Amino acid sequence: MDIGELGTIIAITVITYLIGHGAKMIPQIRDETIPAIVGVCGGILGVVGMFIMPDFPAHDILNAIAVGIVSGLASTGVNQVWKQVQK
């Protein structure tokens, strides 16, 4: 994986982090469902990224979904690390 491929994964992680942050602001959405929301959004973004980004690390639908889901769930991990650092 080169730096260009890493940039696409970071982009999905940042976008899903912002989606999760937005979901956190909606009172009807429980905190337990936010990882699922960012995972699904990441999977969708992974497929979109495969078609519009020439340097996307996956070249088939299943791998693109997997890359997106992992990137989305990584945004939840980034959020948790940030919370622990602030304590």
Protein backbone atom coordinates (compact mmCIF):
# COMPACT_ATOMS: atom_id res chain seq x y z
CA MET A 1 0.00 0.00 0.00
CA ASP A 2 1.46 3.33 -1.01
CA ILE A 3 0.68 6.78 0.36
CA GLY A 4 -2.00 7.46 -2.28
CA GLU A 5 -3.99 4.40 -1.22
CA LEU A 6 -3.61 5.37 2.42
CA GLY A 7 -5.05 8.80 1.63
CA THR A 8 -8.26 7.29 0.28
CA ILE A 9 -8.70 5.20 3.42
CA ILE A 10 -8.06 8.23 5.62
CA ALA A 11 -10.64 10.17 3.61
CA ILE A 12 -13.30 7.53 4.30
CA THR A 13 -12.33 7.47 7.97
CA VAL A 14 -12.65 11.24 8.28
CA ILE A 15 -15.99 11.34 6.45
CA THR A 16 -17.44 8.54 8.59
CA TYR A 17 -16.08 10.23 11.73
CA LEU A 18 -18.04 13.33 10.81
CA ILE A 19 -21.13 11.22 10.08
CA GLY A 20 -20.79 9.60 13.50
CA HIS A 21 -20.34 12.97 15.15
CA GLY A 22 -23.47 14.23 13.41
CA ALA A 23 -25.37 11.12 14.49
CA LYS A 24 -24.28 11.75 18.08
CA MET A 25 -26.01 15.15 17.95
CA ILE A 26 -29.37 13.59 17.06
CA PRO A 27 -31.12 12.66 20.32
CA GLN A 28 -33.14 9.83 18.74
CA ILE A 29 -29.98 7.90 17.79
CA ARG A 30 -28.58 5.77 20.61
CA ASP A 31 -24.82 5.71 21.10
CA GLU A 32 -24.76 1.92 20.63
CA THR A 33 -25.96 2.26 17.04
CA ILE A 34 -23.32 4.78 15.91
CA PRO A 35 -20.66 2.13 15.08
CA ALA A 36 -23.17 0.35 12.86
CA ILE A 37 -24.10 3.62 11.18
CA VAL A 38 -20.48 4.54 10.42
CA GLY A 39 -19.75 0.97 9.31
CA VAL A 40 -22.60 0.98 6.80
CA CYS A 41 -21.71 4.47 5.59
CA GLY A 42 -18.09 3.36 5.23
CA GLY A 43 -19.14 0.36 3.16
CA ILE A 44 -21.15 2.59 0.85
CA LEU A 45 -18.29 5.07 0.58
CA GLY A 46 -15.91 2.19 -0.16
CA VAL A 47 -17.96 1.15 -3.19
CA VAL A 48 -18.28 4.75 -4.36
CA GLY A 49 -14.54 5.24 -3.86
CA MET A 50 -13.74 2.16 -5.93
CA PHE A 51 -15.53 3.66 -8.91
CA ILE A 52 -14.37 7.29 -8.66
CA MET A 53 -10.86 7.05 -7.17
CA PRO A 54 -8.26 5.53 -9.48
CA ASP A 55 -5.85 4.73 -6.63
CA PHE A 56 -8.45 3.03 -4.38
CA PRO A 57 -6.89 -0.06 -2.73
CA ALA A 58 -9.74 -2.44 -3.70
CA HIS A 59 -10.64 -3.48 -7.22
CA ASP A 60 -13.80 -5.51 -6.59
CA ILE A 61 -17.06 -4.82 -4.76
CA LEU A 62 -16.54 -7.11 -1.75
CA ASN A 63 -13.09 -5.78 -0.96
CA ALA A 64 -14.29 -2.20 -1.46
CA ILE A 65 -17.12 -2.80 1.01
CA ALA A 66 -14.69 -4.38 3.48
CA VAL A 67 -12.20 -1.52 3.18
CA GLY A 68 -15.02 0.97 3.70
CA ILE A 69 -16.47 -0.83 6.71
CA VAL A 70 -13.07 -1.13 8.39
CA SER A 71 -12.38 2.54 7.68
CA GLY A 72 -15.77 3.49 9.12
CA LEU A 73 -15.22 1.45 12.25
CA ALA A 74 -11.74 2.93 12.58
CA SER A 75 -13.40 6.31 12.98
CA THR A 76 -15.13 4.96 16.08
CA GLY A 77 -11.74 3.84 17.39
CA VAL A 78 -10.25 7.27 16.70
CA ASN A 79 -13.10 8.82 18.67
CA GLN A 80 -12.48 6.51 21.62
CA VAL A 81 -8.73 7.19 21.60
CA TRP A 82 -9.45 10.93 21.55
CA LYS A 83 -11.77 10.57 24.57
CA GLN A 84 -9.13 8.63 26.51
CA VAL A 85 -6.40 11.16 25.72
CA GLN A 86 -8.60 13.98 27.00
CA LYS A 87 -9.08 12.27 30.38
